[in-house]
Amino acid sequence: MLYIERTLHVKTALLERPDLQETIRAIFASHITNDGACTPIGEGSSRKVYKIGWCEIAAGAEIVLLLKLKKRPSGMKYSHAAERSQYSELSEFGAFEMYYDFTAGHISAVSFRTKAGFERYRAASVINWVKFTFSLSENWGGTRVAQGDMDAIPYFMMAVRYQHLFGQLTEGEPPLIVPKHTASYTGTMEDHTIEGGRIIDLDPTECLLIDIDRGGYLGWNERYPSNLGVRHRGQKYFSPAHRLDL
């Protein structure tokens, strides 16, 4: 099963649960007004995490739904999350899919799309030991995970559009299937990517795959090179067919 197919699987189940949809709306509203009606179960440097509840996705199979929202309402605009900028949310979705494809065996390695892009990144970045082709299970510079450990990746990722605002739905604890705990990070720039054996956070400012994809630091007028195709992978999660509109 492809990662986007998992997302569609959960979306189909969620559309049959108006109670869960209403819970998501209520959390958005409470978060925006900061009225304390809904309490987050955790928070990071830029986002708060809310528990939605259990959702049955197949007979005898339930997952915990989490909603991640930017701390500042001004940073929650859906148009910003879905735009093709260097810090949009497209790249995080693409990075999760790339990790999933590697663990599922759909790809055996990650490669730069062009030799020119590889040379430019090596010349411009302080992380200049990255190879043209590398395995996500080796000591490549970022978060590592073994092939076969598919459950080191949250079961799904889904973009949510509530009015003009953006949120991110994903799988919480306990996971549907226990991971093999092969995920680890080297500390290059990814200090908080793993929890409970799963890769849970690939923020655009702290994920080396995304940094490589955008060519390191870009000025506002510089072209996004898409060195690895990460952002391109993430675009489909924001299409009407794949996102959740509330």
Protein backbone atom coordinates (compact mmCIF):
# COMPACT_ATOMS: atom_id res chain seq x y z
CA MET A 1 0.00 0.00 0.00
CA LEU A 2 1.26 3.49 -0.86
CA TYR A 3 1.38 6.17 1.83
CA ILE A 4 -1.26 8.28 0.06
CA GLU A 5 -3.50 5.20 -0.02
CA ARG A 6 -3.23 4.93 3.76
CA THR A 7 -4.29 8.58 3.99
CA LEU A 8 -7.30 7.95 1.76
CA HIS A 9 -8.15 4.86 3.84
CA VAL A 10 -8.31 6.98 6.99
CA LYS A 11 -10.19 9.79 5.24
CA THR A 12 -12.90 7.35 4.12
CA ALA A 13 -13.31 6.12 7.70
CA LEU A 14 -13.31 9.66 9.09
CA LEU A 15 -16.01 10.84 6.71
CA GLU A 16 -18.28 8.25 8.30
CA ARG A 17 -17.66 9.73 11.77
CA PRO A 18 -19.41 13.13 12.02
CA ASP A 19 -18.67 13.12 15.76
CA LEU A 20 -14.92 13.11 15.12
CA GLN A 21 -15.29 15.79 12.47
CA GLU A 22 -17.14 17.95 14.98
CA THR A 23 -14.38 17.38 17.54
CA ILE A 24 -11.83 18.64 15.01
CA ARG A 25 -13.91 21.76 14.34
CA ALA A 26 -14.23 22.41 18.08
CA ILE A 27 -10.47 22.12 18.58
CA PHE A 28 -9.78 24.55 15.75
CA ALA A 29 -12.23 27.05 17.23
CA SER A 30 -10.85 26.72 20.76
CA HIS A 31 -7.25 26.94 19.56
CA ILE A 32 -7.91 30.13 17.59
CA THR A 33 -9.64 31.90 20.47
CA ASN A 34 -7.43 30.33 23.17
CA ASP A 35 -10.50 29.87 25.36
CA GLY A 36 -9.18 26.75 27.11
CA ALA A 37 -12.14 24.61 26.07
CA CYS A 38 -9.80 22.11 24.42
CA THR A 39 -6.50 21.20 26.04
CA PRO A 40 -3.48 20.04 24.02
CA ILE A 41 -1.76 16.83 25.07
CA GLY A 42 1.64 18.17 24.06
CA GLU A 43 3.49 20.87 22.19
CA GLY A 44 6.75 21.49 20.39
CA SER A 45 8.56 24.63 19.40
CA SER A 46 6.00 25.64 16.79
CA ARG A 47 2.91 23.39 17.16
CA LYS A 48 0.40 22.14 19.69
CA VAL A 49 -0.95 18.60 19.56
CA TYR A 50 -4.56 17.64 20.35
CA LYS A 51 -6.08 14.17 20.70
CA ILE A 52 -9.19 13.66 18.57
CA GLY A 53 -10.06 10.11 19.58
CA TRP A 54 -10.17 6.57 18.26
CA CYS A 55 -11.24 5.85 14.69
CA GLU A 56 -11.95 2.39 13.31
CA ILE A 57 -10.34 2.03 9.88
CA ALA A 58 -11.14 -1.67 9.39
CA ALA A 59 -12.87 -4.44 11.31
CA GLY A 60 -10.97 -4.78 14.57
CA ALA A 61 -8.42 -2.09 13.63
CA GLU A 62 -8.52 1.33 15.31
CA ILE A 63 -6.07 4.20 15.33
CA VAL A 64 -5.71 7.25 17.56
CA LEU A 65 -6.14 10.51 15.65
CA LEU A 66 -4.02 13.53 16.56
CA LEU A 67 -4.41 17.09 15.28
CA LYS A 68 -1.33 19.32 15.06
CA LEU A 69 -1.86 23.08 14.87
CA LYS A 70 0.58 25.96 14.65
CA LYS A 71 0.81 27.78 17.96
CA ARG A 72 0.13 31.18 16.45
CA PRO A 73 -3.17 31.53 14.54
CA SER A 74 -1.39 33.91 12.16
CA GLY A 75 0.75 30.96 11.06
CA MET A 76 -2.22 28.69 10.35
CA LYS A 77 -3.31 30.04 6.95
CA TYR A 78 -4.01 27.18 4.57
CA SER A 79 -2.83 29.24 1.62
CA HIS A 80 0.59 29.57 3.23
CA ALA A 81 0.80 25.90 4.15
CA ALA A 82 0.00 24.81 0.60
CA GLU A 83 2.09 27.34 -1.32
CA ARG A 84 5.28 26.36 -3.09
CA SER A 85 7.63 28.23 -0.77
CA GLN A 86 10.74 26.94 0.95
CA TYR A 87 9.04 26.66 4.36
CA SER A 88 5.57 25.45 3.33
CA GLU A 89 4.07 22.28 4.77
CA LEU A 90 4.32 20.45 1.42
CA SER A 91 7.87 19.36 2.19
CA GLU A 92 7.03 17.69 5.52
CA PHE A 93 4.37 15.54 3.89
CA GLY A 94 6.81 14.65 1.12
CA ALA A 95 9.54 13.76 3.61
CA PHE A 96 7.24 11.39 5.52
CA GLU A 97 6.25 9.73 2.24
CA MET A 98 9.92 9.32 1.26
CA TYR A 99 10.71 7.66 4.59
CA TYR A 100 7.67 5.40 4.22
CA ASP A 101 8.65 4.41 0.67
CA PHE A 102 12.11 3.50 1.91
CA THR A 103 10.89 1.39 4.84
CA ALA A 104 8.27 -0.29 2.64
CA GLY A 105 10.88 -1.17 0.02
CA HIS A 106 9.36 1.00 -2.73
CA ILE A 107 12.75 2.72 -3.02
CA SER A 108 16.14 1.36 -2.00
CA ALA A 109 17.96 4.70 -1.74
CA VAL A 110 17.57 8.46 -2.14
CA SER A 111 19.36 10.31 -4.94
CA PHE A 112 19.86 13.85 -6.10
CA ARG A 113 17.88 14.48 -9.26
CA THR A 114 20.83 16.11 -11.04
CA LYS A 115 24.60 16.18 -10.72
CA ALA A 116 24.51 19.99 -10.90
CA GLY A 117 22.14 20.18 -7.93
CA PHE A 118 24.39 17.86 -5.96
CA GLU A 119 27.48 19.97 -6.64
CA ARG A 120 25.67 23.22 -5.77
CA TYR A 121 24.44 21.81 -2.46
CA ARG A 122 27.85 20.45 -1.50
CA ALA A 123 29.43 23.82 -2.29
CA ALA A 124 26.85 25.94 -0.44
CA SER A 125 26.04 23.81 2.62
CA VAL A 126 28.07 23.20 5.76
CA ILE A 127 26.77 19.62 5.53
CA ASN A 128 29.07 18.85 2.61
CA TRP A 129 29.59 15.13 3.23
CA VAL A 130 26.20 14.12 1.78
CA LYS A 131 26.53 11.58 -1.03
CA PHE A 132 24.85 11.78 -4.44
CA THR A 133 22.97 8.57 -3.60
CA PHE A 134 22.47 7.44 -0.01
CA SER A 135 20.46 4.99 2.06
CA LEU A 136 18.22 6.25 4.86
CA SER A 137 19.45 3.33 6.98
CA GLU A 138 23.11 4.40 6.88
CA ASN A 139 24.84 7.23 8.71
CA TRP A 140 23.94 9.72 5.98
CA GLY A 141 23.61 12.80 8.22
CA GLY A 142 19.92 12.80 9.13
CA THR A 143 17.35 10.56 10.81
CA ARG A 144 17.97 6.89 10.04
CA VAL A 145 15.59 3.95 9.85
CA ALA A 146 15.89 0.35 8.64
CA GLN A 147 14.05 -1.03 5.65
CA GLY A 148 11.15 -3.16 6.80
CA ASP A 149 10.35 -0.95 9.80
CA MET A 150 7.30 0.57 8.11
CA ASP A 151 5.65 1.30 11.43
CA ALA A 152 8.45 3.67 12.37
CA ILE A 153 6.39 6.11 10.28
CA PRO A 154 2.92 7.25 11.49
CA TYR A 155 0.21 5.24 9.76
CA PHE A 156 -0.89 8.29 7.77
CA MET A 157 -0.58 12.05 7.28
CA MET A 158 -3.56 14.19 6.24
CA ALA A 159 -3.89 17.89 5.50
CA VAL A 160 -6.98 19.53 7.02
CA ARG A 161 -8.58 22.74 5.78
CA TYR A 162 -10.94 24.34 8.28
CA GLN A 163 -12.36 27.48 6.72
CA HIS A 164 -9.13 29.30 5.67
CA LEU A 165 -6.92 27.53 8.23
CA PHE A 166 -4.55 24.55 8.07
CA GLY A 167 -4.09 21.61 10.40
CA GLN A 168 -2.35 18.27 10.20
CA LEU A 169 -3.93 14.94 11.15
CA THR A 170 -1.72 11.99 12.00
CA GLU A 171 -1.58 8.79 14.06
CA GLY A 172 -1.04 9.00 17.82
CA GLU A 173 -0.09 6.56 20.56
CA PRO A 174 -0.45 3.66 20.84
CA PRO A 175 0.37 2.95 17.18
CA LEU A 176 -1.67 0.46 15.19
CA ILE A 177 1.44 -1.72 14.87
CA VAL A 178 4.42 -1.49 17.22
CA PRO A 179 7.58 -0.26 15.42
CA LYS A 180 10.83 -2.23 15.49
CA HIS A 181 12.67 0.72 17.08
CA THR A 182 15.30 1.03 14.35
CA ALA A 183 14.84 4.81 13.97
CA SER A 184 17.65 7.03 15.27
CA TYR A 185 19.13 10.44 14.57
CA THR A 186 22.69 11.70 14.47
CA GLY A 187 22.02 15.16 15.90
CA THR A 188 23.11 17.08 12.78
CA MET A 189 19.99 19.24 12.80
CA GLU A 190 17.28 16.82 13.91
CA ASP A 191 17.00 16.78 17.70
CA HIS A 192 13.35 15.86 18.22
CA THR A 193 12.28 13.73 15.27
CA ILE A 194 11.74 10.43 17.11
CA GLU A 195 9.43 9.37 19.92
CA GLY A 196 8.52 5.84 20.98
CA GLY A 197 10.50 4.34 18.12
CA ARG A 198 8.61 6.37 15.51
CA ILE A 199 9.60 9.33 13.37
CA ILE A 200 6.94 11.85 14.39
CA ASP A 201 8.23 15.28 13.39
CA LEU A 202 9.96 16.38 10.19
CA ASP A 203 9.58 20.14 10.47
CA PRO A 204 10.86 22.03 7.39
CA THR A 205 13.40 23.92 9.50
CA GLU A 206 14.83 20.81 11.19
CA CYS A 207 14.76 18.01 8.58
CA LEU A 208 17.91 17.34 6.57
CA LEU A 209 15.98 15.71 3.71
CA ILE A 210 14.05 18.96 3.31
CA ASP A 211 17.19 21.07 3.69
CA ILE A 212 18.83 19.13 0.86
CA ASP A 213 15.70 19.35 -1.27
CA ARG A 214 15.59 23.15 -1.06
CA GLY A 215 19.34 23.53 -1.50
CA GLY A 216 20.10 24.74 2.02
CA TYR A 217 19.32 28.34 2.87
CA LEU A 218 17.62 30.22 0.05
CA GLY A 219 17.19 33.94 -0.41
CA TRP A 220 13.66 35.13 -1.14
CA ASN A 221 14.38 35.49 -4.85
CA GLU A 222 16.21 32.20 -5.29
CA ARG A 223 14.61 29.26 -7.07
CA TYR A 224 13.70 26.16 -5.07
CA PRO A 225 15.78 23.44 -6.77
CA SER A 226 13.82 20.33 -5.62
CA ASN A 227 17.07 18.39 -5.37
CA LEU A 228 15.42 15.19 -4.10
CA GLY A 229 11.81 15.69 -5.21
CA VAL A 230 10.59 15.90 -1.59
CA ARG A 231 8.29 18.91 -1.98
CA HIS A 232 6.90 17.52 -5.21
CA ARG A 233 5.87 14.35 -3.36
CA GLY A 234 3.97 16.40 -0.76
CA GLN A 235 1.81 18.38 -3.17
CA LYS A 236 -0.77 15.63 -3.73
CA TYR A 237 -1.70 15.54 -0.02
CA PHE A 238 -3.14 19.05 -0.39
CA SER A 239 -5.42 18.25 -3.33
CA PRO A 240 -9.20 18.24 -2.65
CA ALA A 241 -9.28 14.49 -3.22
CA HIS A 242 -6.78 13.77 -0.46
CA ARG A 243 -7.23 16.50 2.17
CA LEU A 244 -10.07 16.82 4.68
CA ASP A 245 -12.26 19.91 4.22
CA LEU A 246 -14.36 21.00 7.18
